[in-house]
């Protein structure tokens, strides 16, 4: 994964967060560079955004100013240059800025309005699932979907390709739809060349959740960008990558000793679906962990964990735990004897 600690280090000038660059010529030039050439965007020869240059400039500016506007552009540029590892690094950068520099971060809080964070809310608007109907390409969700997962067989595989193969997105008109076989084959080829290539993608849901928690804690749920679709996309990708990274382990001699017997065949699941009881248990644990982080006073985790303990038990065993006083009546109705 990409090390973002240098970008989170305090600035040398006016530490820890540096100076406000809003009207600095370098910042204005940076914004123009990131926009590309909007006057020619509908022309056949429109110049594409020079993302490597944007990435380099964003890193230079973050050394001078801890600014959410710069960080959001960094996410976009890093994703275009470094793929999923770059998008993951960008989300982690935003989370780190929230956690370490909230009081001194740019744009500043409105001191004349009880430190209202409206300028920061506006700076984070591209994170939202629904930005404007006319600027879908300006959202980080769009950037995530266009992000490269790997290159194999002379082609690039994007997040959008994975979502199309999973049936979650439709292919563009006139374009050939990515198939599960193509996606799985390209992932296998990429994995054969680099065993760690999918680390950032597999960890992406955690990075999205960490950013969501950091924003909610400081902005409140009502003012934080809604990133549910980004989370759904991250989970779909992570599931696909995790499945691609596991076949070798699943067919190893050690796993053969614990293979599911023929009398209880395991059904193959599409990415995102549950195939075994263990999958269901892991999902219940994840739900509990999420609720304990986001709604610590909610009783749902207690009830979910109790229900989790009933998996694998028969009806009478569950009733013994749930309502032991009812067993006599149950045996009477069923015509069975209590053990």
Protein backbone atom coordinates (compact mmCIF):
# COMPACT_ATOMS: atom_id res chain seq x y z
CA UNK A 1 0.00 0.00 0.00
CA UNK A 2 1.01 3.64 -0.44
CA UNK A 3 2.58 5.37 2.58
CA UNK A 4 0.66 8.59 3.27
CA UNK A 5 2.46 9.54 6.48
CA UNK A 6 4.68 12.08 4.68
CA UNK A 7 1.52 13.85 3.48
CA UNK A 8 0.10 13.88 7.02
CA UNK A 9 3.26 15.28 8.61
CA UNK A 10 2.93 18.82 10.04
CA UNK A 11 3.93 21.60 7.68
CA UNK A 12 7.34 23.21 8.14
CA UNK A 13 5.90 26.71 7.74
CA UNK A 14 3.28 27.73 10.31
CA UNK A 15 2.79 24.22 11.69
CA UNK A 16 0.84 22.12 12.09
CA UNK A 17 -1.56 22.87 9.21
CA UNK A 18 0.32 25.57 7.30
CA UNK A 19 -1.31 28.51 5.54
CA UNK A 20 -4.55 29.05 3.67
CA UNK A 21 -3.73 28.83 -0.05
CA UNK A 22 -7.21 29.72 -1.32
CA UNK A 23 -6.02 32.82 -3.19
CA UNK A 24 -2.46 31.68 -3.78
CA UNK A 25 -1.54 31.59 -7.50
CA UNK A 26 -0.12 28.09 -7.09
CA UNK A 27 -3.44 26.83 -5.70
CA UNK A 28 -5.46 28.49 -8.44
CA UNK A 29 -3.16 26.98 -11.07
CA UNK A 30 -3.55 23.59 -9.37
CA UNK A 31 -7.36 23.80 -9.55
CA UNK A 32 -7.15 24.69 -13.24
CA UNK A 33 -4.78 21.78 -13.88
CA UNK A 34 -7.18 19.36 -12.17
CA UNK A 35 -10.12 20.64 -14.21
CA UNK A 36 -8.30 20.07 -17.49
CA UNK A 37 -9.62 22.25 -20.31
CA UNK A 38 -13.38 22.68 -19.75
CA UNK A 39 -13.69 24.97 -22.80
CA UNK A 40 -12.74 22.00 -25.03
CA UNK A 41 -14.40 19.15 -23.12
CA UNK A 42 -16.92 18.49 -25.91
CA UNK A 43 -14.37 18.62 -28.73
CA UNK A 44 -12.98 15.47 -30.30
CA UNK A 45 -9.43 16.64 -29.57
CA UNK A 46 -10.10 17.71 -25.98
CA UNK A 47 -7.00 17.46 -23.84
CA UNK A 48 -7.25 14.89 -21.03
CA UNK A 49 -6.35 15.90 -17.49
CA UNK A 50 -2.67 15.33 -16.79
CA UNK A 51 -3.26 13.25 -13.66
CA UNK A 52 0.42 12.50 -12.90
CA UNK A 53 1.09 16.25 -12.84
CA UNK A 54 -2.01 16.83 -10.70
CA UNK A 55 -0.84 14.16 -8.25
CA UNK A 56 2.64 15.64 -7.99
CA UNK A 57 1.30 19.14 -7.44
CA UNK A 58 -1.22 17.99 -4.81
CA UNK A 59 1.59 16.38 -2.83
CA UNK A 60 3.63 19.58 -3.00
CA UNK A 61 0.70 21.72 -1.83
CA UNK A 62 -0.20 19.37 1.03
CA UNK A 63 3.30 19.96 2.38
CA UNK A 64 2.37 23.64 2.64
CA UNK A 65 -1.28 23.41 3.67
CA UNK A 66 -3.53 20.71 5.14
CA UNK A 67 -6.51 21.50 2.93
CA UNK A 68 -9.50 19.26 2.24
CA UNK A 69 -9.89 20.71 -1.26
CA UNK A 70 -6.37 19.61 -2.15
CA UNK A 71 -6.88 16.23 -0.49
CA UNK A 72 -10.05 15.51 -2.48
CA UNK A 73 -8.19 16.17 -5.73
CA UNK A 74 -5.36 13.96 -4.45
CA UNK A 75 -7.83 11.07 -4.15
CA UNK A 76 -8.88 11.50 -7.77
CA UNK A 77 -5.34 11.83 -9.09
CA UNK A 78 -3.93 8.97 -7.01
CA UNK A 79 -6.72 6.68 -8.22
CA UNK A 80 -5.98 7.54 -11.85
CA UNK A 81 -2.24 7.04 -11.43
CA UNK A 82 -1.99 4.20 -8.89
CA UNK A 83 -5.35 2.43 -9.22
CA UNK A 84 -7.06 0.97 -6.15
CA UNK A 85 -3.95 1.51 -4.03
CA UNK A 86 -4.18 5.22 -4.87
CA UNK A 87 -7.89 5.49 -4.07
CA UNK A 88 -7.30 3.67 -0.77
CA UNK A 89 -4.44 6.04 0.06
CA UNK A 90 -6.59 9.06 -0.73
CA UNK A 91 -9.39 7.97 1.60
CA UNK A 92 -6.85 7.28 4.34
CA UNK A 93 -5.38 10.76 3.79
CA UNK A 94 -8.78 12.39 4.27
CA UNK A 95 -9.40 10.34 7.41
CA UNK A 96 -6.00 11.31 8.79
CA UNK A 97 -6.63 15.00 8.16
CA UNK A 98 -9.94 14.79 10.03
CA UNK A 99 -8.40 12.96 12.95
CA UNK A 100 -5.20 15.00 13.31
CA UNK A 101 -5.98 18.51 12.06
CA UNK A 102 -9.68 19.17 12.58
CA UNK A 103 -9.18 22.39 14.56
CA UNK A 104 -6.66 23.93 12.14
CA UNK A 105 -7.63 22.29 8.84
CA UNK A 106 -8.48 24.30 5.71
CA UNK A 107 -10.92 25.59 4.66
CA UNK A 108 -11.26 27.03 8.17
CA UNK A 109 -14.28 26.80 10.43
CA UNK A 110 -16.47 29.92 10.42
CA UNK A 111 -15.45 31.67 13.63
CA UNK A 112 -18.26 34.22 13.17
CA UNK A 113 -20.91 31.49 13.12
CA UNK A 114 -20.04 29.29 16.10
CA UNK A 115 -17.29 27.49 14.12
CA UNK A 116 -19.73 26.30 11.48
CA UNK A 117 -17.98 23.83 9.11
CA UNK A 118 -19.99 24.80 6.01
CA UNK A 119 -16.87 25.43 3.91
CA UNK A 120 -15.57 21.97 4.74
CA UNK A 121 -18.92 20.40 3.92
CA UNK A 122 -18.76 22.08 0.51
CA UNK A 123 -15.18 20.90 -0.03
CA UNK A 124 -16.29 17.32 0.62
CA UNK A 125 -19.26 17.46 -1.77
CA UNK A 126 -17.55 15.30 -4.44
CA UNK A 127 -17.58 12.38 -1.98
CA UNK A 128 -21.37 12.24 -2.00
CA UNK A 129 -23.13 9.52 -4.00
CA UNK A 130 -25.38 12.14 -5.61
CA UNK A 131 -23.46 15.33 -6.36
CA UNK A 132 -25.38 16.96 -9.21
CA UNK A 133 -27.15 15.30 -12.15
CA UNK A 134 -24.93 17.27 -14.52
CA UNK A 135 -21.53 16.48 -13.00
CA UNK A 136 -21.50 12.74 -12.32
CA UNK A 137 -17.91 12.64 -13.54
CA UNK A 138 -16.94 15.01 -10.70
CA UNK A 139 -17.82 12.51 -7.96
CA UNK A 140 -15.33 10.23 -6.28
CA UNK A 141 -17.80 7.40 -6.84
CA UNK A 142 -17.27 7.90 -10.58
CA UNK A 143 -13.50 7.93 -10.04
CA UNK A 144 -13.72 4.69 -8.06
CA UNK A 145 -15.69 2.99 -10.82
CA UNK A 146 -13.11 4.06 -13.40
CA UNK A 147 -10.18 3.02 -11.21
CA UNK A 148 -7.86 0.36 -12.57
CA UNK A 149 -7.78 -2.88 -10.59
CA UNK A 150 -5.00 -4.53 -12.58
CA UNK A 151 -3.50 -5.00 -16.03
CA UNK A 152 -3.37 -8.46 -17.55
CA UNK A 153 -3.51 -10.04 -20.99
CA UNK A 154 -2.69 -6.67 -22.51
CA UNK A 155 -5.85 -5.09 -21.07
CA UNK A 156 -6.80 -3.01 -18.05
CA UNK A 157 -9.49 -4.22 -15.68
CA UNK A 158 -11.48 -1.51 -13.90
CA UNK A 159 -13.87 -1.48 -10.99
CA UNK A 160 -16.62 -0.76 -13.51
CA UNK A 161 -15.76 -4.01 -15.34
CA UNK A 162 -16.16 -5.97 -12.10
CA UNK A 163 -19.52 -4.36 -11.36
CA UNK A 164 -20.74 -5.09 -14.89
CA UNK A 165 -19.63 -8.72 -14.63
CA UNK A 166 -21.50 -8.99 -11.32
CA UNK A 167 -24.65 -7.59 -12.95
CA UNK A 168 -24.61 -4.46 -10.78
CA UNK A 169 -23.99 -2.00 -13.63
CA UNK A 170 -24.98 -2.01 -17.28
CA UNK A 171 -22.33 -1.79 -19.97
CA UNK A 172 -22.20 1.40 -22.01
CA UNK A 173 -24.20 1.35 -25.21
CA UNK A 174 -22.19 -0.31 -27.95
CA UNK A 175 -19.52 -1.59 -25.55
CA UNK A 176 -18.90 -5.27 -24.90
CA UNK A 177 -19.90 -6.27 -21.38
CA UNK A 178 -17.27 -7.70 -19.08
CA UNK A 179 -17.98 -11.33 -18.22
CA UNK A 180 -17.28 -13.19 -14.96
CA UNK A 181 -14.87 -15.48 -16.82
CA UNK A 182 -12.87 -12.54 -18.19
CA UNK A 183 -12.71 -10.84 -14.80
CA UNK A 184 -11.68 -13.99 -12.96
CA UNK A 185 -9.07 -14.82 -15.59
CA UNK A 186 -7.48 -11.38 -15.50
CA UNK A 187 -7.41 -11.34 -11.70
CA UNK A 188 -5.77 -14.77 -11.64
CA UNK A 189 -3.11 -13.65 -14.13
CA UNK A 190 -2.38 -10.48 -12.16
CA UNK A 191 -2.18 -12.41 -8.90
CA UNK A 192 0.32 -14.83 -10.43
CA UNK A 193 2.71 -11.92 -10.99
CA UNK A 194 2.16 -10.14 -7.66
CA UNK A 195 0.66 -11.88 -4.61
CA UNK A 196 0.08 -8.56 -2.82
CA UNK A 197 -1.54 -6.70 -5.70
CA UNK A 198 -5.03 -6.81 -4.18
CA UNK A 199 -4.17 -5.77 -0.60
CA UNK A 200 -5.53 -2.23 -0.93
CA UNK A 201 -8.69 -3.38 -2.71
CA UNK A 202 -9.47 -6.00 -0.09
CA UNK A 203 -9.01 -3.40 2.65
CA UNK A 204 -11.05 -0.74 0.83
CA UNK A 205 -14.34 -1.24 2.77
CA UNK A 206 -12.49 -0.60 6.03
CA UNK A 207 -10.98 2.60 4.60
CA UNK A 208 -14.40 3.83 3.45
CA UNK A 209 -15.92 3.04 6.85
CA UNK A 210 -13.10 4.80 8.69
CA UNK A 211 -13.64 7.96 6.63
CA UNK A 212 -17.41 7.81 7.12
CA UNK A 213 -16.94 7.50 10.89
CA UNK A 214 -14.47 10.40 10.98
CA UNK A 215 -16.83 12.66 9.03
CA UNK A 216 -19.89 11.71 11.07
CA UNK A 217 -18.07 12.32 14.34
CA UNK A 218 -17.09 15.87 13.38
CA UNK A 219 -19.79 16.99 10.96
CA UNK A 220 -22.76 15.01 12.22
CA UNK A 221 -24.74 12.50 10.20
CA UNK A 222 -26.99 15.14 8.62
CA UNK A 223 -24.10 17.13 7.11
CA UNK A 224 -21.72 14.33 6.20
CA UNK A 225 -21.64 13.27 2.54
CA UNK A 226 -23.72 10.15 1.91
CA UNK A 227 -21.26 7.50 0.67
CA UNK A 228 -23.41 4.36 0.82
CA UNK A 229 -22.87 3.60 -2.88
CA UNK A 230 -19.13 4.00 -2.44
CA UNK A 231 -19.26 1.51 0.42
CA UNK A 232 -21.36 -0.93 -1.61
CA UNK A 233 -18.88 -0.68 -4.49
CA UNK A 234 -15.92 -1.19 -2.16
CA UNK A 235 -17.52 -4.30 -0.69
CA UNK A 236 -18.29 -5.78 -4.11
CA UNK A 237 -14.72 -5.25 -5.25
CA UNK A 238 -13.23 -6.58 -2.02
CA UNK A 239 -15.38 -9.71 -2.23
CA UNK A 240 -14.27 -10.34 -5.82
CA UNK A 241 -10.60 -9.81 -4.98
CA UNK A 242 -10.77 -11.93 -1.84
CA UNK A 243 -12.33 -14.76 -3.83
CA UNK A 244 -9.60 -14.48 -6.46
CA UNK A 245 -6.88 -14.64 -3.81
CA UNK A 246 -8.28 -17.74 -2.09
CA UNK A 247 -8.48 -20.55 -4.69
CA UNK A 248 -4.93 -21.73 -4.04
CA UNK A 249 -5.60 -22.04 -0.32
CA UNK A 250 -8.92 -23.74 -0.97
CA UNK A 251 -7.24 -26.53 -2.97
CA UNK A 252 -4.20 -27.05 -0.74
CA UNK A 253 -3.62 -30.43 1.00
CA UNK A 254 -4.44 -28.88 4.37
CA UNK A 255 -7.79 -27.59 3.19
CA UNK A 256 -8.60 -30.97 1.65
CA UNK A 257 -8.58 -32.48 5.14
CA UNK A 258 -11.41 -30.18 6.19
CA UNK A 259 -13.32 -30.13 2.92
CA UNK A 260 -17.12 -30.20 3.01
CA UNK A 261 -18.31 -33.81 2.63
CA UNK A 262 -20.08 -34.90 -0.56
CA UNK A 263 -23.30 -35.39 1.39
CA UNK A 264 -23.46 -31.65 2.01
CA UNK A 265 -22.14 -29.98 -1.15
CA UNK A 266 -21.13 -26.36 -1.02
CA UNK A 267 -22.88 -24.23 -3.61
CA UNK A 268 -20.71 -21.77 -5.50
CA UNK A 269 -21.66 -18.21 -4.72
CA UNK A 270 -21.36 -15.09 -6.80
CA UNK A 271 -19.23 -12.33 -5.25
CA UNK A 272 -21.26 -10.69 -2.47
CA UNK A 273 -23.41 -13.76 -1.79
CA UNK A 274 -23.19 -16.11 1.19
CA UNK A 275 -22.18 -19.71 0.51
CA UNK A 276 -21.59 -21.24 3.95
CA UNK A 277 -22.61 -20.92 7.57
CA UNK A 278 -19.16 -19.47 8.24
CA UNK A 279 -19.88 -16.70 5.72
CA UNK A 280 -23.11 -15.89 7.56
CA UNK A 281 -21.36 -15.84 10.95
CA UNK A 282 -18.66 -13.52 9.61
CA UNK A 283 -21.32 -11.16 8.27
CA UNK A 284 -23.17 -11.13 11.60
CA UNK A 285 -19.90 -10.32 13.38
CA UNK A 286 -19.27 -7.49 10.92
CA UNK A 287 -22.75 -6.06 11.53
CA UNK A 288 -22.17 -6.15 15.29
CA UNK A 289 -18.79 -4.43 14.96
CA UNK A 290 -20.30 -1.72 12.74
CA UNK A 291 -23.18 -1.01 15.14
CA UNK A 292 -20.86 -0.93 18.15
CA UNK A 293 -18.71 1.70 16.41
CA UNK A 294 -21.51 3.85 15.04
CA UNK A 295 -24.35 3.34 17.56
CA UNK A 296 -22.69 2.14 20.78
CA UNK A 297 -25.90 2.51 22.83
CA UNK A 298 -28.02 0.38 20.50
CA UNK A 299 -28.99 -3.07 21.89
CA UNK A 300 -29.00 -4.80 18.47
CA UNK A 301 -25.46 -6.29 18.79
CA UNK A 302 -26.49 -8.11 21.99
CA UNK A 303 -29.46 -9.73 20.26
CA UNK A 304 -27.52 -10.52 17.08
CA UNK A 305 -24.77 -12.24 19.06
CA UNK A 306 -27.35 -14.26 20.94
CA UNK A 307 -28.94 -15.37 17.66
CA UNK A 308 -25.47 -16.15 16.30
CA UNK A 309 -25.03 -18.68 19.10
CA UNK A 310 -28.12 -20.58 17.94
CA UNK A 311 -26.62 -21.46 14.56
CA UNK A 312 -26.05 -25.20 14.47
CA UNK A 313 -28.55 -25.93 17.26
CA UNK A 314 -31.86 -27.70 16.80
CA UNK A 315 -35.23 -26.19 17.74
CA UNK A 316 -35.38 -27.64 21.25
CA UNK A 317 -31.85 -26.47 22.03
CA UNK A 318 -32.74 -22.96 20.92
CA UNK A 319 -35.91 -22.98 23.05
CA UNK A 320 -33.90 -24.28 26.01
CA UNK A 321 -31.77 -21.14 25.73
CA UNK A 322 -34.56 -18.75 24.78
CA UNK A 323 -37.46 -19.87 27.00
CA UNK A 324 -36.59 -22.90 29.16
CA UNK A 325 -39.92 -22.74 31.00
CA UNK A 326 -41.75 -23.45 27.74
CA UNK A 327 -40.10 -26.84 27.10
CA UNK A 328 -42.68 -28.84 29.05
CA UNK A 329 -45.50 -27.38 26.96
CA UNK A 330 -43.55 -27.94 23.72
CA UNK A 331 -42.95 -31.61 24.56
CA UNK A 332 -46.61 -32.00 25.45
CA UNK A 333 -47.72 -30.59 22.08
CA UNK A 334 -45.13 -32.62 20.14
CA UNK A 335 -45.85 -35.82 22.05
CA UNK A 336 -42.20 -36.28 22.95
CA UNK A 337 -40.48 -36.94 26.24
CA UNK A 338 -38.21 -34.42 27.88
CA UNK A 339 -34.67 -35.73 28.18
